[in-house]
Amino acid sequence: MVRKWVRRYQEESLAGLRDRSRHPHRSPRRTPQEVEEKVRAAHKRTRYGRKRLAWSYGGRRAWLFILILFAIFWE
């Protein structure tokens, strides 16, 4: 662990010791934006929770992505 900080200091000086974001550079399996927007719109329109939205969108597969969206955006 200390080696990482020493290396960062040697390579970047004090700038290398600043906190860095842990956000991934890319997310290839991310739910498409248009799907997220549809789910948000349906939630806003109906005020349904994730289980009821999943059921109205067709079952198990929908349940998974709605569960993920709720975990990320609404809870």
PDB file of N, CA and C in Angstrom:
ATOM      1  N   MET A   1       0.823  -1.185   0.000  1.00  0.00           N
ATOM      2  CA  MET A   1       0.000   0.000   0.000  1.00  0.00           C
ATOM      3  C   MET A   1       0.875   1.259   0.000  1.00  0.00           C
ATOM      4  N   VAL A   2       1.887   1.257   0.805  1.00  0.00           N
ATOM      5  CA  VAL A   2       2.764   2.425   0.877  1.00  0.00           C
ATOM      6  C   VAL A   2       3.497   2.607  -0.445  1.00  0.00           C
ATOM      7  N   ARG A   3       3.851   1.514  -1.083  1.00  0.00           N
ATOM      8  CA  ARG A   3       4.566   1.604  -2.369  1.00  0.00           C
ATOM      9  C   ARG A   3       3.749   2.368  -3.408  1.00  0.00           C
ATOM     10  N   LYS A   4       2.436   2.133  -3.397  1.00  0.00           N
ATOM     11  CA  LYS A   4       1.563   2.830  -4.338  1.00  0.00           C
ATOM     12  C   LYS A   4       1.674   4.339  -4.148  1.00  0.00           C
ATOM     13  N   TRP A   5       1.645   4.797  -2.897  1.00  0.00           N
ATOM     14  CA  TRP A   5       1.698   6.225  -2.628  1.00  0.00           C
ATOM     15  C   TRP A   5       3.072   6.806  -2.941  1.00  0.00           C
ATOM     16  N   VAL A   6       4.109   6.043  -2.658  1.00  0.00           N
ATOM     17  CA  VAL A   6       5.466   6.504  -2.977  1.00  0.00           C
ATOM     18  C   VAL A   6       5.615   6.641  -4.491  1.00  0.00           C
ATOM     19  N   ARG A   7       5.138   5.637  -5.215  1.00  0.00           N
ATOM     20  CA  ARG A   7       5.230   5.686  -6.680  1.00  0.00           C
ATOM     21  C   ARG A   7       4.445   6.869  -7.234  1.00  0.00           C
ATOM     22  N   ARG A   8       3.255   7.094  -6.727  1.00  0.00           N
ATOM     23  CA  ARG A   8       2.448   8.236  -7.181  1.00  0.00           C
ATOM     24  C   ARG A   8       3.161   9.556  -6.896  1.00  0.00           C
ATOM     25  N   TYR A   9       3.768   9.661  -5.736  1.00  0.00           N
ATOM     26  CA  TYR A   9       4.480  10.888  -5.390  1.00  0.00           C
ATOM     27  C   TYR A   9       5.675  11.091  -6.323  1.00  0.00           C
ATOM     28  N   GLN A  10       6.408  10.020  -6.595  1.00  0.00           N
ATOM     29  CA  GLN A  10       7.579  10.124  -7.468  1.00  0.00           C
ATOM     30  C   GLN A  10       7.178  10.502  -8.888  1.00  0.00           C
ATOM     31  N   GLU A  11       6.060   9.970  -9.351  1.00  0.00           N
ATOM     32  CA  GLU A  11       5.631  10.233 -10.725  1.00  0.00           C
ATOM     33  C   GLU A  11       4.913  11.569 -10.887  1.00  0.00           C
ATOM     34  N   GLU A  12       4.103  11.952  -9.867  1.00  0.00           N
ATOM     35  CA  GLU A  12       3.234  13.110 -10.040  1.00  0.00           C
ATOM     36  C   GLU A  12       3.411  14.203  -8.991  1.00  0.00           C
ATOM     37  N   SER A  13       4.363  14.053  -8.089  1.00  0.00           N
ATOM     38  CA  SER A  13       4.588  15.012  -7.006  1.00  0.00           C
ATOM     39  C   SER A  13       3.345  15.069  -6.105  1.00  0.00           C
ATOM     40  N   LEU A  14       3.008  16.214  -5.556  1.00  0.00           N
ATOM     41  CA  LEU A  14       1.880  16.328  -4.628  1.00  0.00           C
ATOM     42  C   LEU A  14       0.536  16.029  -5.301  1.00  0.00           C
ATOM     43  N   ALA A  15       0.439  16.272  -6.592  1.00  0.00           N
ATOM     44  CA  ALA A  15      -0.814  16.000  -7.310  1.00  0.00           C
ATOM     45  C   ALA A  15      -1.153  14.509  -7.277  1.00  0.00           C
ATOM     46  N   GLY A  16      -0.158  13.668  -7.209  1.00  0.00           N
ATOM     47  CA  GLY A  16      -0.379  12.230  -7.170  1.00  0.00           C
ATOM     48  C   GLY A  16      -0.950  11.727  -5.862  1.00  0.00           C
ATOM     49  N   LEU A  17      -0.899  12.564  -4.822  1.00  0.00           N
ATOM     50  CA  LEU A  17      -1.400  12.154  -3.513  1.00  0.00           C
ATOM     51  C   LEU A  17      -2.860  12.545  -3.286  1.00  0.00           C
ATOM     52  N   ARG A  18      -3.450  13.253  -4.240  1.00  0.00           N
ATOM     53  CA  ARG A  18      -4.856  13.638  -4.110  1.00  0.00           C
ATOM     54  C   ARG A  18      -5.760  12.418  -4.282  1.00  0.00           C
ATOM     55  N   ASP A  19      -6.945  12.508  -3.687  1.00  0.00           N
ATOM     56  CA  ASP A  19      -7.926  11.433  -3.845  1.00  0.00           C
ATOM     57  C   ASP A  19      -8.317  11.293  -5.308  1.00  0.00           C
ATOM     58  N   ARG A  20      -8.558  10.063  -5.724  1.00  0.00           N
ATOM     59  CA  ARG A  20      -8.965   9.791  -7.098  1.00  0.00           C
ATOM     60  C   ARG A  20     -10.333   9.136  -7.102  1.00  0.00           C
ATOM     61  N   SER A  21     -11.060   9.386  -8.150  1.00  0.00           N
ATOM     62  CA  SER A  21     -12.391   8.809  -8.291  1.00  0.00           C
ATOM     63  C   SER A  21     -12.271   7.303  -8.511  1.00  0.00           C
ATOM     64  N   ARG A  22     -13.205   6.553  -7.931  1.00  0.00           N
ATOM     65  CA  ARG A  22     -13.248   5.107  -8.139  1.00  0.00           C
ATOM     66  C   ARG A  22     -14.278   4.736  -9.198  1.00  0.00           C
ATOM     67  N   HIS A  23     -14.878   5.748  -9.809  1.00  0.00           N
ATOM     68  CA  HIS A  23     -15.872   5.522 -10.849  1.00  0.00           C
ATOM     69  C   HIS A  23     -15.188   4.850 -12.042  1.00  0.00           C
ATOM     70  N   PRO A  24     -15.800   3.807 -12.592  1.00  0.00           N
ATOM     71  CA  PRO A  24     -15.159   3.121 -13.720  1.00  0.00           C
ATOM     72  C   PRO A  24     -15.061   4.047 -14.944  1.00  0.00           C
ATOM     73  N   HIS A  25     -14.049   3.825 -15.745  1.00  0.00           N
ATOM     74  CA  HIS A  25     -13.852   4.631 -16.946  1.00  0.00           C
ATOM     75  C   HIS A  25     -14.913   4.325 -17.993  1.00  0.00           C
ATOM     76  N   ARG A  26     -15.401   3.101 -17.999  1.00  0.00           N
ATOM     77  CA  ARG A  26     -16.464   2.721 -18.927  1.00  0.00           C
ATOM     78  C   ARG A  26     -17.319   1.632 -18.281  1.00  0.00           C
ATOM     79  N   SER A  27     -18.549   1.501 -18.773  1.00  0.00           N
ATOM     80  CA  SER A  27     -19.482   0.501 -18.248  1.00  0.00           C
ATOM     81  C   SER A  27     -20.162  -0.204 -19.411  1.00  0.00           C
ATOM     82  N   PRO A  28     -19.529  -1.213 -19.990  1.00  0.00           N
ATOM     83  CA  PRO A  28     -20.067  -1.841 -21.197  1.00  0.00           C
ATOM     84  C   PRO A  28     -21.404  -2.548 -21.001  1.00  0.00           C
ATOM     85  N   ARG A  29     -21.744  -2.937 -19.779  1.00  0.00           N
ATOM     86  CA  ARG A  29     -22.989  -3.658 -19.547  1.00  0.00           C
ATOM     87  C   ARG A  29     -24.077  -2.773 -18.946  1.00  0.00           C
ATOM     88  N   ARG A  30     -23.868  -1.493 -18.994  1.00  0.00           N
ATOM     89  CA  ARG A  30     -24.832  -0.556 -18.431  1.00  0.00           C
ATOM     90  C   ARG A  30     -26.146  -0.613 -19.205  1.00  0.00           C
ATOM     91  N   THR A  31     -27.238  -0.434 -18.477  1.00  0.00           N
ATOM     92  CA  THR A  31     -28.557  -0.390 -19.104  1.00  0.00           C
ATOM     93  C   THR A  31     -28.618   0.827 -20.024  1.00  0.00           C
ATOM     94  N   PRO A  32     -29.121   0.652 -21.246  1.00  0.00           N
ATOM     95  CA  PRO A  32     -29.182   1.775 -22.186  1.00  0.00           C
ATOM     96  C   PRO A  32     -29.980   2.956 -21.626  1.00  0.00           C
ATOM     97  N   GLN A  33     -29.574   4.145 -21.993  1.00  0.00           N
ATOM     98  CA  GLN A  33     -30.182   5.375 -21.486  1.00  0.00           C
ATOM     99  C   GLN A  33     -31.680   5.417 -21.761  1.00  0.00           C
ATOM    100  N   GLU A  34     -32.102   5.009 -22.959  1.00  0.00           N
ATOM    101  CA  GLU A  34     -33.531   5.075 -23.290  1.00  0.00           C
ATOM    102  C   GLU A  34     -34.356   4.139 -22.412  1.00  0.00           C
ATOM    103  N   VAL A  35     -33.780   3.008 -22.016  1.00  0.00           N
ATOM    104  CA  VAL A  35     -34.485   2.085 -21.122  1.00  0.00           C
ATOM    105  C   VAL A  35     -34.603   2.705 -19.739  1.00  0.00           C
ATOM    106  N   GLU A  36     -33.536   3.297 -19.266  1.00  0.00           N
ATOM    107  CA  GLU A  36     -33.573   3.965 -17.960  1.00  0.00           C
ATOM    108  C   GLU A  36     -34.642   5.056 -17.952  1.00  0.00           C
ATOM    109  N   GLU A  37     -34.712   5.825 -19.032  1.00  0.00           N
ATOM    110  CA  GLU A  37     -35.698   6.903 -19.109  1.00  0.00           C
ATOM    111  C   GLU A  37     -37.122   6.361 -19.102  1.00  0.00           C
ATOM    112  N   LYS A  38     -37.350   5.246 -19.808  1.00  0.00           N
ATOM    113  CA  LYS A  38     -38.681   4.637 -19.823  1.00  0.00           C
ATOM    114  C   LYS A  38     -39.083   4.156 -18.435  1.00  0.00           C
ATOM    115  N   VAL A  39     -38.154   3.548 -17.733  1.00  0.00           N
ATOM    116  CA  VAL A  39     -38.447   3.053 -16.391  1.00  0.00           C
ATOM    117  C   VAL A  39     -38.729   4.212 -15.450  1.00  0.00           C
ATOM    118  N   ARG A  40     -37.910   5.251 -15.529  1.00  0.00           N
ATOM    119  CA  ARG A  40     -38.137   6.425 -14.675  1.00  0.00           C
ATOM    120  C   ARG A  40     -39.498   7.059 -14.970  1.00  0.00           C
ATOM    121  N   ALA A  41     -39.827   7.172 -16.266  1.00  0.00           N
ATOM    122  CA  ALA A  41     -41.114   7.763 -16.645  1.00  0.00           C
ATOM    123  C   ALA A  41     -42.273   6.908 -16.135  1.00  0.00           C
ATOM    124  N   ALA A  42     -42.161   5.584 -16.265  1.00  0.00           N
ATOM    125  CA  ALA A  42     -43.207   4.686 -15.782  1.00  0.00           C
ATOM    126  C   ALA A  42     -43.349   4.798 -14.269  1.00  0.00           C
ATOM    127  N   HIS A  43     -42.242   4.892 -13.578  1.00  0.00           N
ATOM    128  CA  HIS A  43     -42.269   5.032 -12.119  1.00  0.00           C
ATOM    129  C   HIS A  43     -42.937   6.349 -11.723  1.00  0.00           C
ATOM    130  N   LYS A  44     -42.565   7.400 -12.421  1.00  0.00           N
ATOM    131  CA  LYS A  44     -43.122   8.715 -12.103  1.00  0.00           C
ATOM    132  C   LYS A  44     -44.624   8.760 -12.407  1.00  0.00           C
ATOM    133  N   ARG A  45     -45.009   8.142 -13.532  1.00  0.00           N
ATOM    134  CA  ARG A  45     -46.406   8.150 -13.950  1.00  0.00           C
ATOM    135  C   ARG A  45     -47.283   7.292 -13.047  1.00  0.00           C
ATOM    136  N   THR A  46     -46.812   6.092 -12.700  1.00  0.00           N
ATOM    137  CA  THR A  46     -47.637   5.133 -11.962  1.00  0.00           C
ATOM    138  C   THR A  46     -47.357   5.114 -10.470  1.00  0.00           C
ATOM    139  N   ARG A  47     -46.157   5.575 -10.087  1.00  0.00           N
ATOM    140  CA  ARG A  47     -45.676   5.492  -8.700  1.00  0.00           C
ATOM    141  C   ARG A  47     -45.557   4.048  -8.227  1.00  0.00           C
ATOM    142  N   TYR A  48     -45.450   3.113  -9.168  1.00  0.00           N
ATOM    143  CA  TYR A  48     -45.251   1.710  -8.824  1.00  0.00           C
ATOM    144  C   TYR A  48     -43.846   1.521  -8.268  1.00  0.00           C
ATOM    145  N   GLY A  49     -43.710   0.527  -7.403  1.00  0.00           N
ATOM    146  CA  GLY A  49     -42.398   0.136  -6.906  1.00  0.00           C
ATOM    147  C   GLY A  49     -41.721  -0.795  -7.892  1.00  0.00           C
ATOM    148  N   ARG A  50     -40.530  -1.272  -7.536  1.00  0.00           N
ATOM    149  CA  ARG A  50     -39.764  -2.084  -8.483  1.00  0.00           C
ATOM    150  C   ARG A  50     -40.428  -3.409  -8.811  1.00  0.00           C
ATOM    151  N   LYS A  51     -41.071  -4.065  -7.845  1.00  0.00           N
ATOM    152  CA  LYS A  51     -41.695  -5.357  -8.128  1.00  0.00           C
ATOM    153  C   LYS A  51     -42.873  -5.205  -9.082  1.00  0.00           C
ATOM    154  N   ARG A  52     -43.686  -4.215  -8.808  1.00  0.00           N
ATOM    155  CA  ARG A  52     -44.860  -4.016  -9.657  1.00  0.00           C
ATOM    156  C   ARG A  52     -44.449  -3.544 -11.052  1.00  0.00           C
ATOM    157  N   LEU A  53     -43.448  -2.699 -11.148  1.00  0.00           N
ATOM    158  CA  LEU A  53     -42.940  -2.282 -12.451  1.00  0.00           C
ATOM    159  C   LEU A  53     -42.397  -3.476 -13.223  1.00  0.00           C
ATOM    160  N   ALA A  54     -41.654  -4.323 -12.546  1.00  0.00           N
ATOM    161  CA  ALA A  54     -41.093  -5.503 -13.206  1.00  0.00           C
ATOM    162  C   ALA A  54     -42.200  -6.400 -13.732  1.00  0.00           C
ATOM    163  N   TRP A  55     -43.242  -6.580 -12.928  1.00  0.00           N
ATOM    164  CA  TRP A  55     -44.350  -7.426 -13.354  1.00  0.00           C
ATOM    165  C   TRP A  55     -45.033  -6.824 -14.579  1.00  0.00           C
ATOM    166  N   SER A  56     -45.212  -5.518 -14.579  1.00  0.00           N
ATOM    167  CA  SER A  56     -45.878  -4.871 -15.705  1.00  0.00           C
ATOM    168  C   SER A  56     -44.997  -4.848 -16.951  1.00  0.00           C
ATOM    169  N   TYR A  57     -43.677  -4.974 -16.770  1.00  0.00           N
ATOM    170  CA  TYR A  57     -42.770  -5.007 -17.910  1.00  0.00           C
ATOM    171  C   TYR A  57     -42.423  -6.414 -18.364  1.00  0.00           C
ATOM    172  N   GLY A  58     -42.991  -7.422 -17.745  1.00  0.00           N
ATOM    173  CA  GLY A  58     -42.838  -8.749 -18.308  1.00  0.00           C
ATOM    174  C   GLY A  58     -41.996  -9.737 -17.542  1.00  0.00           C
ATOM    175  N   GLY A  59     -41.909  -9.650 -16.247  1.00  0.00           N
ATOM    176  CA  GLY A  59     -41.356 -10.749 -15.492  1.00  0.00           C
ATOM    177  C   GLY A  59     -39.916 -10.650 -15.066  1.00  0.00           C
ATOM    178  N   ARG A  60     -39.300 -11.813 -14.989  1.00  0.00           N
ATOM    179  CA  ARG A  60     -38.007 -11.983 -14.331  1.00  0.00           C
ATOM    180  C   ARG A  60     -36.899 -11.117 -14.921  1.00  0.00           C
ATOM    181  N   ARG A  61     -36.754 -11.101 -16.223  1.00  0.00           N
ATOM    182  CA  ARG A  61     -35.666 -10.343 -16.827  1.00  0.00           C
ATOM    183  C   ARG A  61     -35.811  -8.853 -16.515  1.00  0.00           C
ATOM    184  N   ALA A  62     -37.032  -8.368 -16.647  1.00  0.00           N
ATOM    185  CA  ALA A  62     -37.288  -6.968 -16.325  1.00  0.00           C
ATOM    186  C   ALA A  62     -37.029  -6.712 -14.846  1.00  0.00           C
ATOM    187  N   TRP A  63     -37.372  -7.664 -14.009  1.00  0.00           N
ATOM    188  CA  TRP A  63     -37.170  -7.533 -12.564  1.00  0.00           C
ATOM    189  C   TRP A  63     -35.713  -7.210 -12.259  1.00  0.00           C
ATOM    190  N   LEU A  64     -34.801  -7.873 -12.931  1.00  0.00           N
ATOM    191  CA  LEU A  64     -33.382  -7.671 -12.642  1.00  0.00           C
ATOM    192  C   LEU A  64     -32.925  -6.254 -12.946  1.00  0.00           C
ATOM    193  N   PHE A  65     -33.269  -5.764 -14.131  1.00  0.00           N
ATOM    194  CA  PHE A  65     -32.762  -4.434 -14.455  1.00  0.00           C
ATOM    195  C   PHE A  65     -33.480  -3.351 -13.661  1.00  0.00           C
ATOM    196  N   ILE A  66     -34.749  -3.560 -13.342  1.00  0.00           N
ATOM    197  CA  ILE A  66     -35.452  -2.569 -12.530  1.00  0.00           C
ATOM    198  C   ILE A  66     -34.902  -2.567 -11.112  1.00  0.00           C
ATOM    199  N   LEU A  67     -34.587  -3.735 -10.602  1.00  0.00           N
ATOM    200  CA  LEU A  67     -33.986  -3.832  -9.278  1.00  0.00           C
ATOM    201  C   LEU A  67     -32.672  -3.066  -9.236  1.00  0.00           C
ATOM    202  N   ILE A  68     -31.865  -3.229 -10.267  1.00  0.00           N
ATOM    203  CA  ILE A  68     -30.582  -2.527 -10.338  1.00  0.00           C
ATOM    204  C   ILE A  68     -30.797  -1.016 -10.432  1.00  0.00           C
ATOM    205  N   LEU A  69     -31.731  -0.603 -11.277  1.00  0.00           N
ATOM    206  CA  LEU A  69     -31.991   0.829 -11.411  1.00  0.00           C
ATOM    207  C   LEU A  69     -32.450   1.443 -10.098  1.00  0.00           C
ATOM    208  N   PHE A  70     -33.332   0.748  -9.389  1.00  0.00           N
ATOM    209  CA  PHE A  70     -33.783   1.267  -8.107  1.00  0.00           C
ATOM    210  C   PHE A  70     -32.628   1.342  -7.116  1.00  0.00           C
ATOM    211  N   ALA A  71     -31.785   0.337  -7.136  1.00  0.00           N
ATOM    212  CA  ALA A  71     -30.651   0.328  -6.200  1.00  0.00           C
ATOM    213  C   ALA A  71     -29.726   1.505  -6.465  1.00  0.00           C
ATOM    214  N   ILE A  72     -29.560   1.860  -7.726  1.00  0.00           N
ATOM    215  CA  ILE A  72     -28.636   2.924  -8.084  1.00  0.00           C
ATOM    216  C   ILE A  72     -29.255   4.304  -7.942  1.00  0.00           C
ATOM    217  N   PHE A  73     -30.487   4.487  -8.431  1.00  0.00           N
ATOM    218  CA  PHE A  73     -31.032   5.830  -8.578  1.00  0.00           C
ATOM    219  C   PHE A  73     -32.042   6.250  -7.514  1.00  0.00           C
ATOM    220  N   TRP A  74     -32.784   5.323  -6.943  1.00  0.00           N
ATOM    221  CA  TRP A  74     -33.888   5.759  -6.096  1.00  0.00           C
ATOM    222  C   TRP A  74     -33.723   5.416  -4.627  1.00  0.00           C
ATOM    223  N   GLU A  75     -32.794   4.587  -4.279  1.00  0.00           N
ATOM    224  CA  GLU A  75     -32.684   4.214  -2.864  1.00  0.00           C
ATOM    225  C   GLU A  75     -31.320   4.508  -2.318  1.00  0.00           C
TER     226      GLU A  75
END
